[in-house]
Amino acid sequence: MAFSSPMATRRCLVLGALATVATPLVRAQGSGADTPVRLVVPFTPGTGIDLIARQIAVPLSERLKRPFFVDNKAGASGIIGTQEVVRAPADGTTMLVSVNTLVMNMALYPKQGFNPLTDLQPVAQTSWGQLLLVASEASKIQSLKELVDRARAKPGALNYGSPGAGTPHHLAMELLKNRAKLSLTHISYRGTAPAVTDLLGGQIDAMFLPIHVALQHVKAGKLKALAISSDTPHPLLPEVPSLNSLKVGDLNVDMWYGVFAPAGTPKAYVDRLNIELREVLAAPAVAKAFETQGMTPAHSTPEAFKKLVTADAKRWSDLIKAQGITAE
């Protein structure tokens, strides 16, 4: 019988402990460190979320020495692509790049088959996106106060458009209606383009739009910018006041964007990816690319991002119930 020396025994214990610590990270890398990582975007190419995914894919590939690629899985307000990530192995090879519609859908589609708060692991926030409240030229509304005064004077007479029920554009106006006790009629469209066409044509009076969509029309004098969703004015439109200038409660309806992993993805891998994303988002080239979509880079720890997502889920769920909103 062979006997081990005390030093050899300690060496085996140390190596065993190191192997135990390393195992989750190795397992999170799938079949190997060069296994491709799929960044699922649950919306069509060309959207702000798609741009985020494509901006982070290349530098993440370079930094982690493994391929990252974008896979668009659009449909059902982002539910189809999200569901695919929820069902994917928690090995770090499938990630989700999404926006706050992820939690808005919880109350709108209670039978979607998953809970993003428990079935997904927040990795990092990537950015904020601002919405601009605009009025058509035909409406002759010149300020946020005038919109509020007219809506109160003739309940339901003013209408507003959105790209569809349950979109951030829709819920932003419903939050304004709820806080300011207003009545405006919702006109739902299938996408942003037809809504903007009717807004420019004077068929609808007002609408919330992403800054990059509205800006060209505001500069051309075809739309009047009434308020910004942020707490402070935006550098591109410094003269436009914040929605919170109404002083009727919290009206910050900025959209958050971020990266998620399937629940159960090893913490070591999530933390490593979070650190790499922090460096990627700090690059001036990324900030410039985000600016074209009206977004501002923003990074957070997985824990802070989870707290933001959880609080936002409650906020929009409460609003959807209070306003009696249903998905069309």
Protein backbone atom coordinates (compact mmCIF):
# COMPACT_ATOMS: atom_id res chain seq x y z
CA MET A 1 0.00 0.00 0.00
CA ALA A 2 1.33 3.44 -0.96
CA PHE A 3 1.14 6.35 1.47
CA SER A 4 1.01 10.07 0.52
CA SER A 5 3.08 12.64 2.32
CA PRO A 6 1.25 15.51 4.13
CA MET A 7 2.59 17.96 1.51
CA ALA A 8 1.30 15.83 -1.39
CA THR A 9 -2.07 15.51 0.29
CA ARG A 10 -2.35 19.29 0.72
CA ARG A 11 -1.33 19.76 -2.94
CA CYS A 12 -4.12 17.43 -4.06
CA LEU A 13 -6.65 19.27 -1.92
CA VAL A 14 -5.62 22.66 -3.33
CA LEU A 15 -5.78 21.39 -6.92
CA GLY A 16 -9.16 19.85 -6.21
CA ALA A 17 -10.49 23.13 -4.80
CA LEU A 18 -9.22 25.06 -7.81
CA ALA A 19 -10.88 22.59 -10.16
CA THR A 20 -14.16 23.01 -8.28
CA VAL A 21 -14.01 26.80 -8.63
CA ALA A 22 -13.06 26.61 -12.30
CA THR A 23 -15.74 24.07 -13.24
CA PRO A 24 -18.68 26.54 -13.50
CA LEU A 25 -16.72 28.83 -15.83
CA VAL A 26 -15.59 25.91 -18.01
CA ARG A 27 -19.13 24.53 -18.07
CA ALA A 28 -20.47 27.99 -18.99
CA GLN A 29 -18.25 27.95 -22.05
CA GLY A 30 -20.10 25.02 -23.60
CA SER A 31 -17.96 22.49 -25.42
CA GLY A 32 -14.95 24.79 -25.44
CA ALA A 33 -13.65 28.33 -25.20
CA ASP A 34 -14.14 28.78 -28.95
CA THR A 35 -17.83 27.77 -28.91
CA PRO A 36 -19.88 30.55 -30.57
CA VAL A 37 -22.15 32.68 -28.37
CA ARG A 38 -25.53 33.57 -29.84
CA LEU A 39 -26.92 37.02 -29.00
CA VAL A 40 -30.66 36.61 -29.57
CA VAL A 41 -32.47 39.82 -30.53
CA PRO A 42 -36.24 39.27 -30.24
CA PHE A 43 -36.98 41.99 -32.80
CA THR A 44 -36.24 42.68 -36.46
CA PRO A 45 -32.87 43.85 -37.84
CA GLY A 46 -32.37 47.62 -37.85
CA THR A 47 -34.02 48.28 -34.49
CA GLY A 48 -32.21 49.92 -31.59
CA ILE A 49 -31.86 46.57 -29.83
CA ASP A 50 -30.37 45.04 -32.97
CA LEU A 51 -27.83 47.88 -33.16
CA ILE A 52 -26.81 47.29 -29.54
CA ALA A 53 -26.26 43.59 -30.14
CA ARG A 54 -24.16 44.22 -33.24
CA GLN A 55 -22.09 46.90 -31.50
CA ILE A 56 -21.16 44.63 -28.59
CA ALA A 57 -20.74 41.38 -30.56
CA VAL A 58 -17.46 42.26 -32.28
CA PRO A 59 -15.57 43.65 -29.25
CA LEU A 60 -16.83 40.79 -27.05
CA SER A 61 -15.51 38.32 -29.63
CA GLU A 62 -12.12 40.04 -29.52
CA ARG A 63 -11.96 40.30 -25.74
CA LEU A 64 -13.17 36.80 -24.91
CA LYS A 65 -11.47 35.10 -27.89
CA ARG A 66 -14.64 33.34 -29.04
CA PRO A 67 -17.24 34.20 -31.68
CA PHE A 68 -20.30 36.24 -30.70
CA PHE A 69 -23.00 36.56 -33.36
CA VAL A 70 -26.45 38.17 -33.59
CA ASP A 71 -29.54 36.04 -34.21
CA ASN A 72 -32.81 37.93 -34.86
CA LYS A 73 -35.87 35.99 -33.67
CA ALA A 74 -38.71 38.49 -34.05
CA GLY A 75 -42.39 37.97 -33.34
CA ALA A 76 -45.16 38.36 -30.76
CA SER A 77 -43.78 41.58 -29.19
CA GLY A 78 -40.45 39.92 -28.46
CA ILE A 79 -41.93 36.84 -26.82
CA ILE A 80 -40.77 34.29 -29.43
CA GLY A 81 -37.08 35.18 -29.21
CA THR A 82 -37.17 35.54 -25.43
CA GLN A 83 -38.81 32.15 -25.04
CA GLU A 84 -36.00 30.60 -27.08
CA VAL A 85 -33.40 32.00 -24.66
CA VAL A 86 -35.40 30.90 -21.60
CA ARG A 87 -35.38 27.32 -22.96
CA ALA A 88 -31.71 27.34 -23.96
CA PRO A 89 -29.02 25.55 -21.91
CA ALA A 90 -27.60 27.73 -19.14
CA ASP A 91 -24.07 27.29 -20.46
CA GLY A 92 -23.29 30.81 -21.64
CA THR A 93 -23.71 30.06 -25.35
CA THR A 94 -27.12 31.75 -25.71
CA MET A 95 -27.84 35.29 -24.48
CA LEU A 96 -30.71 37.75 -24.87
CA VAL A 97 -30.41 41.43 -25.80
CA SER A 98 -33.69 43.13 -24.91
CA VAL A 99 -35.55 46.24 -23.80
CA ASN A 100 -38.12 47.07 -21.13
CA THR A 101 -40.95 45.58 -23.20
CA LEU A 102 -39.62 42.37 -21.65
CA VAL A 103 -41.34 43.21 -18.34
CA MET A 104 -44.26 45.13 -19.86
CA ASN A 105 -45.26 41.87 -21.55
CA MET A 106 -45.64 40.14 -18.19
CA ALA A 107 -48.97 41.85 -17.48
CA LEU A 108 -50.05 42.10 -21.13
CA TYR A 109 -49.44 38.43 -21.95
CA PRO A 110 -49.86 36.48 -18.70
CA LYS A 111 -49.88 33.19 -20.64
CA GLN A 112 -46.59 33.77 -22.44
CA GLY A 113 -45.16 30.68 -20.76
CA PHE A 114 -42.25 32.14 -18.80
CA ASN A 115 -41.42 34.71 -16.13
CA PRO A 116 -38.49 36.97 -17.09
CA LEU A 117 -37.84 37.75 -13.42
CA THR A 118 -37.13 34.12 -12.56
CA ASP A 119 -36.33 32.46 -15.90
CA LEU A 120 -33.66 34.95 -16.98
CA GLN A 121 -30.46 36.14 -15.29
CA PRO A 122 -29.66 39.86 -15.77
CA VAL A 123 -26.08 40.27 -16.96
CA ALA A 124 -25.72 44.03 -17.53
CA GLN A 125 -27.59 47.10 -18.61
CA THR A 126 -26.21 48.50 -21.85
CA SER A 127 -28.03 51.80 -22.35
CA TRP A 128 -30.93 54.16 -21.84
CA GLY A 129 -33.22 55.32 -24.62
CA GLN A 130 -35.29 58.51 -24.44
CA LEU A 131 -38.80 59.07 -25.74
CA LEU A 132 -40.00 62.42 -27.03
CA LEU A 133 -43.61 63.56 -26.74
CA VAL A 134 -44.50 65.32 -29.98
CA ALA A 135 -47.61 66.94 -31.45
CA SER A 136 -48.65 67.22 -35.09
CA GLU A 137 -48.52 70.54 -36.87
CA ALA A 138 -52.26 70.27 -37.56
CA SER A 139 -53.10 69.98 -33.84
CA LYS A 140 -51.56 73.43 -33.21
CA ILE A 141 -50.45 72.24 -29.74
CA GLN A 142 -47.42 74.29 -28.78
CA SER A 143 -46.53 73.05 -25.29
CA LEU A 144 -46.98 70.27 -22.77
CA LYS A 145 -49.22 72.53 -20.69
CA GLU A 146 -51.43 73.23 -23.70
CA LEU A 147 -51.80 69.49 -24.37
CA VAL A 148 -52.83 68.91 -20.75
CA ASP A 149 -55.24 71.87 -20.70
CA ARG A 150 -56.95 70.81 -23.94
CA ALA A 151 -57.24 67.19 -22.84
CA ARG A 152 -58.87 68.28 -19.59
CA ALA A 153 -61.20 70.73 -21.29
CA LYS A 154 -62.50 68.17 -23.81
CA PRO A 155 -61.92 64.62 -22.49
CA GLY A 156 -61.28 62.14 -25.29
CA ALA A 157 -61.28 64.75 -28.06
CA LEU A 158 -57.52 64.57 -28.60
CA ASN A 159 -56.08 61.30 -29.89
CA TYR A 160 -52.62 59.80 -29.87
CA GLY A 161 -50.89 57.05 -31.80
CA SER A 162 -48.60 54.17 -30.94
CA PRO A 163 -46.88 51.32 -32.82
CA GLY A 164 -49.19 48.92 -30.98
CA ALA A 165 -50.82 48.13 -27.67
CA GLY A 166 -48.32 47.54 -24.88
CA THR A 167 -45.38 49.22 -26.59
CA PRO A 168 -43.29 51.72 -24.60
CA HIS A 169 -44.80 54.50 -26.75
CA HIS A 170 -48.31 53.43 -25.71
CA LEU A 171 -47.60 52.88 -22.02
CA ALA A 172 -45.68 56.17 -21.73
CA MET A 173 -48.83 58.07 -22.75
CA GLU A 174 -50.98 55.92 -20.48
CA LEU A 175 -48.70 56.79 -17.57
CA LEU A 176 -49.05 60.50 -18.41
CA LYS A 177 -52.85 60.09 -18.60
CA ASN A 178 -52.90 58.25 -15.27
CA ARG A 179 -50.70 60.72 -13.37
CA ALA A 180 -52.19 63.91 -14.85
CA LYS A 181 -55.80 62.58 -14.88
CA LEU A 182 -56.23 63.05 -18.63
CA SER A 183 -58.43 61.45 -21.27
CA LEU A 184 -56.98 60.96 -24.76
CA THR A 185 -58.09 58.40 -27.33
CA HIS A 186 -55.56 55.72 -28.28
CA ILE A 187 -55.09 54.87 -31.97
CA SER A 188 -53.06 51.68 -32.34
CA TYR A 189 -50.96 51.00 -35.45
CA ARG A 190 -48.97 48.03 -36.67
CA GLY A 191 -45.54 49.58 -36.36
CA THR A 192 -43.99 53.02 -36.01
CA ALA A 193 -43.85 53.99 -39.71
CA PRO A 194 -47.62 54.11 -40.39
CA ALA A 195 -48.21 55.94 -37.10
CA VAL A 196 -45.64 58.59 -37.98
CA THR A 197 -47.18 58.96 -41.46
CA ASP A 198 -50.58 59.72 -39.94
CA LEU A 199 -49.04 62.00 -37.31
CA LEU A 200 -47.34 64.06 -40.02
CA GLY A 201 -50.58 64.07 -42.01
CA GLY A 202 -52.59 65.39 -39.08
CA GLN A 203 -54.76 62.28 -38.63
CA ILE A 204 -53.51 61.91 -35.05
CA ASP A 205 -52.66 64.71 -32.63
CA ALA A 206 -49.75 63.47 -30.56
CA MET A 207 -47.39 60.56 -29.92
CA PHE A 208 -44.34 59.41 -28.01
CA LEU A 209 -41.43 58.66 -30.35
CA PRO A 210 -37.76 57.74 -29.88
CA ILE A 211 -35.63 60.85 -30.30
CA HIS A 212 -33.84 59.59 -33.42
CA VAL A 213 -37.20 58.99 -35.14
CA ALA A 214 -38.74 62.34 -34.20
CA LEU A 215 -35.71 64.62 -34.45
CA GLN A 216 -35.63 65.14 -38.22
CA HIS A 217 -39.33 66.08 -38.26
CA VAL A 218 -38.94 68.40 -35.27
CA LYS A 219 -36.00 70.17 -36.91
CA ALA A 220 -38.04 70.53 -40.12
CA GLY A 221 -40.91 72.11 -38.19
CA LYS A 222 -43.32 69.29 -39.07
CA LEU A 223 -43.68 68.12 -35.46
CA LYS A 224 -43.65 70.09 -32.21
CA ALA A 225 -41.52 68.64 -29.39
CA LEU A 226 -43.47 69.02 -26.14
CA ALA A 227 -41.47 67.07 -23.55
CA ILE A 228 -38.65 64.56 -23.04
CA SER A 229 -39.03 61.36 -21.03
CA SER A 230 -35.83 61.91 -19.01
CA ASP A 231 -35.56 63.77 -15.72
CA THR A 232 -33.39 66.38 -17.43
CA PRO A 233 -33.36 67.97 -20.92
CA HIS A 234 -31.60 66.10 -23.73
CA PRO A 235 -28.42 67.59 -25.32
CA LEU A 236 -29.98 67.28 -28.80
CA LEU A 237 -33.04 69.28 -27.70
CA PRO A 238 -31.96 71.32 -24.66
CA GLU A 239 -34.97 73.65 -24.87
CA VAL A 240 -37.51 70.83 -24.52
CA PRO A 241 -38.68 70.37 -20.90
CA SER A 242 -38.89 67.14 -18.93
CA LEU A 243 -42.25 65.41 -18.46
CA ASN A 244 -41.61 65.73 -14.74
CA SER A 245 -42.00 69.50 -15.09
CA LEU A 246 -45.75 68.82 -14.75
CA LYS A 247 -45.07 67.82 -11.11
CA VAL A 248 -47.75 65.10 -11.06
CA GLY A 249 -45.48 62.25 -9.94
CA ASP A 250 -42.70 60.26 -11.55
CA LEU A 251 -43.08 60.45 -15.33
CA ASN A 252 -39.62 59.23 -16.30
CA VAL A 253 -40.37 56.74 -19.08
CA ASP A 254 -36.86 56.22 -20.41
CA MET A 255 -36.36 52.76 -21.90
CA TRP A 256 -33.62 50.53 -20.53
CA TYR A 257 -31.75 48.03 -22.70
CA GLY A 258 -29.60 45.15 -21.52
CA VAL A 259 -28.21 41.64 -21.77
CA PHE A 260 -29.71 38.57 -20.09
CA ALA A 261 -28.73 34.90 -19.76
CA PRO A 262 -30.88 31.85 -19.06
CA ALA A 263 -31.49 31.36 -15.33
CA GLY A 264 -28.85 29.13 -13.79
CA THR A 265 -25.96 30.41 -15.90
CA PRO A 266 -22.89 30.22 -13.60
CA LYS A 267 -22.23 33.44 -11.72
CA ALA A 268 -18.53 33.37 -12.62
CA TYR A 269 -19.39 33.59 -16.31
CA VAL A 270 -22.07 36.28 -15.79
CA ASP A 271 -19.63 38.38 -13.75
CA ARG A 272 -16.88 38.01 -16.38
CA LEU A 273 -19.24 39.04 -19.17
CA ASN A 274 -20.45 41.99 -17.09
CA ILE A 275 -16.88 43.25 -16.63
CA GLU A 276 -16.11 42.92 -20.34
CA LEU A 277 -19.32 44.77 -21.25
CA ARG A 278 -18.33 47.62 -18.95
CA GLU A 279 -15.16 48.10 -20.97
CA VAL A 280 -16.94 47.73 -24.31
CA LEU A 281 -19.60 50.32 -23.42
CA ALA A 282 -16.92 52.82 -22.36
CA ALA A 283 -15.52 52.96 -25.91
CA PRO A 284 -16.19 56.31 -27.69
CA ALA A 285 -17.09 54.50 -30.93
CA VAL A 286 -19.89 52.62 -29.16
CA ALA A 287 -21.24 55.82 -27.62
CA LYS A 288 -21.28 57.46 -31.05
CA ALA A 289 -23.11 54.51 -32.62
CA PHE A 290 -25.68 54.47 -29.82
CA GLU A 291 -26.25 58.21 -30.25
CA THR A 292 -27.53 57.63 -33.79
CA GLN A 293 -30.39 55.66 -32.24
CA GLY A 294 -31.05 58.20 -29.49
CA MET A 295 -29.45 56.00 -26.83
CA THR A 296 -26.91 56.66 -24.11
CA PRO A 297 -24.51 53.90 -22.96
CA ALA A 298 -25.08 52.82 -19.36
CA HIS A 299 -23.57 49.98 -17.38
CA SER A 300 -24.59 48.33 -14.13
CA THR A 301 -23.72 45.28 -12.08
CA PRO A 302 -25.92 42.19 -12.51
CA GLU A 303 -27.43 42.88 -9.09
CA ALA A 304 -28.25 46.53 -9.85
CA PHE A 305 -29.72 45.61 -13.22
CA LYS A 306 -31.90 42.93 -11.60
CA LYS A 307 -33.18 45.50 -9.10
CA LEU A 308 -34.05 47.92 -11.95
CA VAL A 309 -35.84 45.22 -13.96
CA THR A 310 -37.82 43.99 -10.96
CA ALA A 311 -38.96 47.50 -9.97
CA ASP A 312 -39.92 48.30 -13.57
CA ALA A 313 -41.98 45.12 -13.83
CA LYS A 314 -44.11 46.19 -10.87
CA ARG A 315 -44.44 49.75 -12.11
CA TRP A 316 -45.80 48.76 -15.52
CA SER A 317 -47.93 45.94 -14.16
CA ASP A 318 -49.63 48.37 -11.77
CA LEU A 319 -50.22 50.86 -14.60
CA ILE A 320 -51.60 48.22 -17.01
CA LYS A 321 -54.09 47.07 -14.37
CA ALA A 322 -55.04 50.62 -13.35
CA GLN A 323 -55.66 51.70 -16.95
CA GLY A 324 -57.36 48.46 -17.98
CA ILE A 325 -54.91 47.95 -20.87
CA THR A 326 -55.10 44.76 -22.89
CA ALA A 327 -52.95 43.49 -25.75
CA GLU A 328 -54.70 43.86 -29.10
